[in-house]
Amino acid sequence: QVQLVESGGGLVQPGGSLRLSCAASRSIFSIDAMGWYRQAPGKQCELVARIRSGGSTNYADSVKGRFAISRDNAKNTVSLQMNSLKPEDTAVYYCNLDGRESRFSAYESYWGQGTQVTVSS
């Protein structure tokens, strides 16, 4: 079973920056997309940013111009550079991978355990 390991969360002041990283625990036969979601207390989980295998990206309107997603296909990793952070960015951030573990596997969606990002002075 593929596991996604996240790192980089923490406490930062408003206007600061953080970089989240996520790595798959084993090689993946085929990856369609990787991305980041977040869930704030009392709110639904929402897409933050996503990058497809061809490199196309999409972002939540609330983070456009501040966050940047990148991916290393060879290493099966995805990163999220977060700049100009705001208190409303406070949430647990989850890494997501959509793909097939092997040529014999079904298409699945994998999730990380989540990393806390807190933006506060």
N, C-alpha and C. Protein backbone atom coordinates (compact mmCIF):
# COMPACT_ATOMS: atom_id res chain seq x y z
N GLN A 1 0.84 -1.19 0.00
CA GLN A 1 0.00 0.00 0.00
C GLN A 1 0.89 1.25 0.00
N VAL A 2 0.60 2.15 -0.88
CA VAL A 2 1.36 3.39 -0.96
C VAL A 2 1.02 4.28 0.22
N GLN A 3 2.04 4.86 0.82
CA GLN A 3 1.84 5.86 1.86
C GLN A 3 2.43 7.18 1.40
N LEU A 4 1.79 8.25 1.78
CA LEU A 4 2.27 9.59 1.47
C LEU A 4 2.77 10.23 2.75
N VAL A 5 4.00 10.70 2.73
CA VAL A 5 4.61 11.29 3.92
C VAL A 5 4.78 12.78 3.70
N GLU A 6 4.14 13.58 4.55
CA GLU A 6 4.16 15.04 4.43
C GLU A 6 5.15 15.63 5.43
N SER A 7 5.66 16.80 5.07
CA SER A 7 6.53 17.53 5.99
C SER A 7 6.44 19.02 5.67
N GLY A 8 6.85 19.84 6.64
CA GLY A 8 6.96 21.26 6.38
C GLY A 8 5.93 22.14 7.05
N GLY A 9 4.96 21.57 7.72
CA GLY A 9 3.98 22.42 8.39
C GLY A 9 4.57 23.09 9.61
N GLY A 10 3.77 23.97 10.22
CA GLY A 10 4.24 24.65 11.43
C GLY A 10 3.52 25.93 11.68
N LEU A 11 4.10 26.74 12.55
CA LEU A 11 3.54 28.04 12.93
C LEU A 11 4.32 29.14 12.23
N VAL A 12 3.59 30.07 11.63
CA VAL A 12 4.23 31.18 10.93
C VAL A 12 3.40 32.43 11.14
N GLN A 13 4.06 33.57 11.12
CA GLN A 13 3.35 34.84 11.27
C GLN A 13 2.68 35.25 9.97
N PRO A 14 1.64 36.03 10.04
CA PRO A 14 1.01 36.53 8.81
C PRO A 14 2.04 37.22 7.92
N GLY A 15 1.94 36.93 6.63
CA GLY A 15 2.89 37.47 5.67
C GLY A 15 4.10 36.58 5.46
N GLY A 16 4.24 35.56 6.28
CA GLY A 16 5.37 34.66 6.17
C GLY A 16 5.18 33.58 5.12
N SER A 17 6.15 32.68 5.06
CA SER A 17 6.15 31.62 4.06
C SER A 17 6.41 30.26 4.71
N LEU A 18 5.88 29.25 4.07
CA LEU A 18 6.15 27.86 4.42
C LEU A 18 6.19 27.04 3.15
N ARG A 19 6.91 25.96 3.22
CA ARG A 19 6.97 25.03 2.08
C ARG A 19 6.59 23.64 2.58
N LEU A 20 5.54 23.09 1.99
CA LEU A 20 5.12 21.72 2.31
C LEU A 20 5.67 20.77 1.26
N SER A 21 6.06 19.59 1.71
CA SER A 21 6.53 18.56 0.79
C SER A 21 5.83 17.25 1.08
N CYS A 22 5.72 16.44 0.06
CA CYS A 22 5.05 15.15 0.19
C CYS A 22 5.76 14.14 -0.71
N ALA A 23 6.06 12.98 -0.15
CA ALA A 23 6.74 11.95 -0.91
C ALA A 23 6.00 10.63 -0.78
N ALA A 24 5.92 9.92 -1.89
CA ALA A 24 5.32 8.58 -1.86
C ALA A 24 6.34 7.59 -1.31
N SER A 25 5.85 6.62 -0.54
CA SER A 25 6.74 5.68 0.14
C SER A 25 7.35 4.65 -0.80
N ARG A 26 6.80 4.54 -2.01
CA ARG A 26 7.33 3.57 -2.98
C ARG A 26 7.06 4.09 -4.37
N SER A 27 7.68 3.49 -5.33
CA SER A 27 7.49 3.93 -6.71
C SER A 27 6.07 3.63 -7.16
N ILE A 28 5.58 4.47 -8.03
CA ILE A 28 4.21 4.38 -8.53
C ILE A 28 4.24 4.12 -10.03
N PHE A 29 3.44 3.18 -10.49
CA PHE A 29 3.42 2.84 -11.91
C PHE A 29 2.92 4.00 -12.75
N SER A 30 1.83 4.61 -12.31
CA SER A 30 1.23 5.67 -13.10
C SER A 30 0.57 6.67 -12.16
N ILE A 31 0.95 7.93 -12.31
CA ILE A 31 0.34 9.00 -11.51
C ILE A 31 -0.41 9.94 -12.43
N ASP A 32 -1.68 10.14 -12.15
CA ASP A 32 -2.47 11.08 -12.93
C ASP A 32 -2.29 12.49 -12.39
N ALA A 33 -2.36 12.63 -11.08
CA ALA A 33 -2.25 13.97 -10.49
C ALA A 33 -1.83 13.86 -9.03
N MET A 34 -1.21 14.92 -8.56
CA MET A 34 -0.90 15.06 -7.15
C MET A 34 -1.36 16.44 -6.72
N GLY A 35 -1.69 16.56 -5.44
CA GLY A 35 -2.19 17.85 -5.01
C GLY A 35 -2.26 17.99 -3.51
N TRP A 36 -2.75 19.16 -3.11
CA TRP A 36 -2.91 19.48 -1.70
C TRP A 36 -4.33 19.94 -1.43
N TYR A 37 -4.88 19.45 -0.35
CA TYR A 37 -6.19 19.86 0.14
C TYR A 37 -5.99 20.36 1.57
N ARG A 38 -6.98 21.09 2.06
CA ARG A 38 -6.89 21.55 3.44
C ARG A 38 -8.27 21.55 4.09
N GLN A 39 -8.24 21.42 5.41
CA GLN A 39 -9.47 21.48 6.17
C GLN A 39 -9.25 22.30 7.43
N ALA A 40 -9.99 23.38 7.52
CA ALA A 40 -9.95 24.24 8.70
C ALA A 40 -11.03 23.78 9.68
N PRO A 41 -10.87 24.09 10.96
CA PRO A 41 -11.86 23.68 11.95
C PRO A 41 -13.26 24.16 11.58
N GLY A 42 -14.21 23.25 11.59
CA GLY A 42 -15.59 23.59 11.30
C GLY A 42 -15.91 23.81 9.84
N LYS A 43 -14.94 23.57 8.96
CA LYS A 43 -15.16 23.78 7.53
C LYS A 43 -14.94 22.49 6.75
N GLN A 44 -15.45 22.48 5.53
CA GLN A 44 -15.26 21.33 4.68
C GLN A 44 -13.85 21.31 4.10
N CYS A 45 -13.42 20.11 3.74
CA CYS A 45 -12.13 19.97 3.09
C CYS A 45 -12.22 20.61 1.69
N GLU A 46 -11.17 21.35 1.33
CA GLU A 46 -11.19 22.02 0.03
C GLU A 46 -9.88 21.81 -0.71
N LEU A 47 -9.97 21.84 -2.03
CA LEU A 47 -8.79 21.76 -2.86
C LEU A 47 -7.99 23.06 -2.72
N VAL A 48 -6.68 22.91 -2.53
CA VAL A 48 -5.79 24.07 -2.51
C VAL A 48 -5.10 24.21 -3.86
N ALA A 49 -4.44 23.15 -4.30
CA ALA A 49 -3.72 23.16 -5.57
C ALA A 49 -3.54 21.74 -6.05
N ARG A 50 -3.48 21.60 -7.38
CA ARG A 50 -3.36 20.28 -7.97
C ARG A 50 -2.53 20.39 -9.23
N ILE A 51 -1.71 19.37 -9.48
CA ILE A 51 -0.88 19.36 -10.68
C ILE A 51 -0.99 18.00 -11.35
N ARG A 52 -1.30 18.03 -12.64
CA ARG A 52 -1.47 16.78 -13.39
C ARG A 52 -0.13 16.32 -13.95
N SER A 53 -0.13 15.10 -14.47
CA SER A 53 1.10 14.51 -14.97
C SER A 53 1.73 15.34 -16.08
N GLY A 54 0.90 16.01 -16.86
CA GLY A 54 1.42 16.83 -17.96
C GLY A 54 1.93 18.19 -17.51
N GLY A 55 1.70 18.50 -16.23
CA GLY A 55 2.19 19.78 -15.70
C GLY A 55 1.13 20.85 -15.52
N SER A 56 -0.08 20.62 -16.01
CA SER A 56 -1.12 21.63 -15.83
C SER A 56 -1.51 21.70 -14.36
N THR A 57 -1.86 22.91 -13.93
CA THR A 57 -2.17 23.14 -12.52
C THR A 57 -3.51 23.84 -12.36
N ASN A 58 -4.09 23.67 -11.20
CA ASN A 58 -5.23 24.51 -10.84
C ASN A 58 -5.15 24.82 -9.35
N TYR A 59 -5.64 26.00 -9.01
CA TYR A 59 -5.54 26.52 -7.65
C TYR A 59 -6.90 27.01 -7.17
N ALA A 60 -7.08 26.97 -5.86
CA ALA A 60 -8.23 27.63 -5.27
C ALA A 60 -8.07 29.13 -5.49
N ASP A 61 -9.16 29.81 -5.73
CA ASP A 61 -9.10 31.26 -5.96
C ASP A 61 -8.42 31.98 -4.80
N SER A 62 -8.63 31.49 -3.60
CA SER A 62 -8.11 32.15 -2.41
C SER A 62 -6.60 32.11 -2.29
N VAL A 63 -5.94 31.24 -3.05
CA VAL A 63 -4.48 31.11 -2.93
C VAL A 63 -3.75 31.50 -4.21
N LYS A 64 -4.48 31.82 -5.27
CA LYS A 64 -3.84 32.19 -6.53
C LYS A 64 -2.92 33.40 -6.33
N GLY A 65 -1.73 33.28 -6.89
CA GLY A 65 -0.76 34.36 -6.76
C GLY A 65 0.07 34.30 -5.50
N ARG A 66 -0.31 33.44 -4.56
CA ARG A 66 0.44 33.32 -3.31
C ARG A 66 1.08 31.94 -3.15
N PHE A 67 0.40 30.92 -3.64
CA PHE A 67 0.89 29.55 -3.50
C PHE A 67 1.35 29.04 -4.87
N ALA A 68 2.33 28.14 -4.84
CA ALA A 68 2.81 27.52 -6.07
C ALA A 68 3.06 26.04 -5.82
N ILE A 69 2.48 25.21 -6.67
CA ILE A 69 2.66 23.76 -6.55
C ILE A 69 3.69 23.31 -7.58
N SER A 70 4.51 22.35 -7.18
CA SER A 70 5.49 21.79 -8.11
C SER A 70 5.61 20.29 -7.85
N ARG A 71 6.18 19.62 -8.84
CA ARG A 71 6.20 18.16 -8.76
C ARG A 71 7.48 17.64 -9.37
N ASP A 72 8.02 16.59 -8.75
CA ASP A 72 9.18 15.88 -9.29
C ASP A 72 8.70 14.50 -9.69
N ASN A 73 8.49 14.30 -10.97
CA ASN A 73 7.95 13.02 -11.44
C ASN A 73 8.88 11.85 -11.16
N ALA A 74 10.17 12.10 -11.24
CA ALA A 74 11.13 11.02 -11.04
C ALA A 74 11.14 10.54 -9.58
N LYS A 75 10.90 11.46 -8.67
CA LYS A 75 10.94 11.12 -7.25
C LYS A 75 9.56 10.92 -6.65
N ASN A 76 8.52 11.11 -7.45
CA ASN A 76 7.14 10.97 -6.94
C ASN A 76 6.91 11.88 -5.74
N THR A 77 7.34 13.11 -5.86
CA THR A 77 7.13 14.08 -4.79
C THR A 77 6.37 15.29 -5.31
N VAL A 78 5.68 15.95 -4.40
CA VAL A 78 4.98 17.18 -4.73
C VAL A 78 5.22 18.17 -3.59
N SER A 79 5.38 19.43 -3.95
CA SER A 79 5.64 20.47 -2.96
C SER A 79 4.66 21.62 -3.15
N LEU A 80 4.45 22.33 -2.07
CA LEU A 80 3.58 23.50 -2.11
C LEU A 80 4.31 24.66 -1.43
N GLN A 81 4.70 25.64 -2.21
CA GLN A 81 5.32 26.85 -1.68
C GLN A 81 4.22 27.84 -1.33
N MET A 82 4.15 28.22 -0.07
CA MET A 82 3.09 29.11 0.39
C MET A 82 3.70 30.43 0.85
N ASN A 83 3.36 31.49 0.16
CA ASN A 83 3.88 32.83 0.48
C ASN A 83 2.72 33.74 0.91
N SER A 84 3.08 34.83 1.54
CA SER A 84 2.09 35.82 1.98
C SER A 84 0.95 35.16 2.73
N LEU A 85 1.30 34.33 3.67
CA LEU A 85 0.29 33.56 4.39
C LEU A 85 -0.61 34.45 5.23
N LYS A 86 -1.86 34.04 5.31
CA LYS A 86 -2.88 34.77 6.05
C LYS A 86 -3.46 33.87 7.15
N PRO A 87 -4.02 34.47 8.17
CA PRO A 87 -4.64 33.65 9.23
C PRO A 87 -5.68 32.67 8.69
N GLU A 88 -6.38 33.06 7.65
CA GLU A 88 -7.40 32.18 7.08
C GLU A 88 -6.80 30.99 6.33
N ASP A 89 -5.49 30.94 6.17
CA ASP A 89 -4.84 29.77 5.59
C ASP A 89 -4.61 28.69 6.65
N THR A 90 -4.88 28.99 7.90
CA THR A 90 -4.71 28.02 8.97
C THR A 90 -5.61 26.82 8.75
N ALA A 91 -5.01 25.64 8.73
CA ALA A 91 -5.76 24.41 8.45
C ALA A 91 -4.80 23.22 8.55
N VAL A 92 -5.38 22.04 8.51
CA VAL A 92 -4.59 20.83 8.29
C VAL A 92 -4.51 20.61 6.79
N TYR A 93 -3.31 20.46 6.28
CA TYR A 93 -3.09 20.29 4.85
C TYR A 93 -2.79 18.82 4.56
N TYR A 94 -3.49 18.30 3.55
CA TYR A 94 -3.36 16.89 3.18
C TYR A 94 -2.82 16.75 1.77
N CYS A 95 -1.86 15.87 1.63
CA CYS A 95 -1.32 15.52 0.32
C CYS A 95 -2.21 14.45 -0.32
N ASN A 96 -2.38 14.53 -1.62
CA ASN A 96 -3.21 13.57 -2.35
C ASN A 96 -2.50 13.11 -3.61
N LEU A 97 -2.65 11.84 -3.93
CA LEU A 97 -2.10 11.28 -5.16
C LEU A 97 -3.16 10.41 -5.82
N ASP A 98 -3.41 10.64 -7.08
CA ASP A 98 -4.34 9.82 -7.87
C ASP A 98 -3.54 9.04 -8.90
N GLY A 99 -3.64 7.71 -8.85
CA GLY A 99 -2.90 6.92 -9.80
C GLY A 99 -3.01 5.45 -9.55
N ARG A 100 -2.12 4.71 -10.22
CA ARG A 100 -2.10 3.25 -10.08
C ARG A 100 -0.73 2.82 -9.56
N GLU A 101 -0.76 2.00 -8.51
CA GLU A 101 0.48 1.54 -7.88
C GLU A 101 1.28 0.63 -8.81
N SER A 102 0.60 -0.23 -9.55
CA SER A 102 1.26 -1.10 -10.51
C SER A 102 0.35 -1.24 -11.72
N ARG A 103 0.84 -1.87 -12.77
CA ARG A 103 0.03 -2.03 -13.97
C ARG A 103 -1.16 -2.95 -13.73
N PHE A 104 -1.14 -3.68 -12.63
CA PHE A 104 -2.24 -4.59 -12.31
C PHE A 104 -3.20 -4.00 -11.28
N SER A 105 -2.88 -2.81 -10.79
CA SER A 105 -3.68 -2.20 -9.74
C SER A 105 -4.81 -1.36 -10.31
N ALA A 106 -5.84 -1.21 -9.50
CA ALA A 106 -6.92 -0.32 -9.87
C ALA A 106 -6.49 1.12 -9.62
N TYR A 107 -7.15 2.02 -10.30
CA TYR A 107 -6.92 3.45 -10.09
C TYR A 107 -7.41 3.81 -8.69
N GLU A 108 -6.55 4.46 -7.90
CA GLU A 108 -6.92 4.80 -6.53
C GLU A 108 -6.51 6.22 -6.19
N SER A 109 -7.07 6.69 -5.09
CA SER A 109 -6.71 8.00 -4.55
C SER A 109 -6.08 7.78 -3.18
N TYR A 110 -4.85 8.26 -3.02
CA TYR A 110 -4.12 8.06 -1.77
C TYR A 110 -4.02 9.39 -1.03
N TRP A 111 -3.98 9.29 0.30
CA TRP A 111 -3.95 10.49 1.13
C TRP A 111 -2.85 10.41 2.20
N GLY A 112 -2.25 11.56 2.48
CA GLY A 112 -1.31 11.65 3.58
C GLY A 112 -2.04 11.81 4.90
N GLN A 113 -1.27 11.83 5.98
CA GLN A 113 -1.85 11.90 7.31
C GLN A 113 -2.21 13.33 7.71
N GLY A 114 -1.72 14.29 6.98
CA GLY A 114 -2.04 15.69 7.26
C GLY A 114 -0.94 16.37 8.05
N THR A 115 -0.74 17.65 7.75
CA THR A 115 0.24 18.45 8.49
C THR A 115 -0.41 19.80 8.84
N GLN A 116 -0.22 20.22 10.07
CA GLN A 116 -0.87 21.44 10.54
C GLN A 116 -0.10 22.68 10.10
N VAL A 117 -0.83 23.62 9.55
CA VAL A 117 -0.29 24.94 9.23
C VAL A 117 -1.08 25.97 10.04
N THR A 118 -0.38 26.74 10.85
CA THR A 118 -1.02 27.76 11.67
C THR A 118 -0.39 29.11 11.36
N VAL A 119 -1.23 30.05 10.98
CA VAL A 119 -0.77 31.40 10.66
C VAL A 119 -1.32 32.33 11.73
N SER A 120 -0.42 32.82 12.57
CA SER A 120 -0.85 33.63 13.70
C SER A 120 0.29 34.49 14.20
N SER A 121 -0.06 35.67 14.69
CA SER A 121 0.95 36.54 15.28
C SER A 121 1.05 36.29 16.78
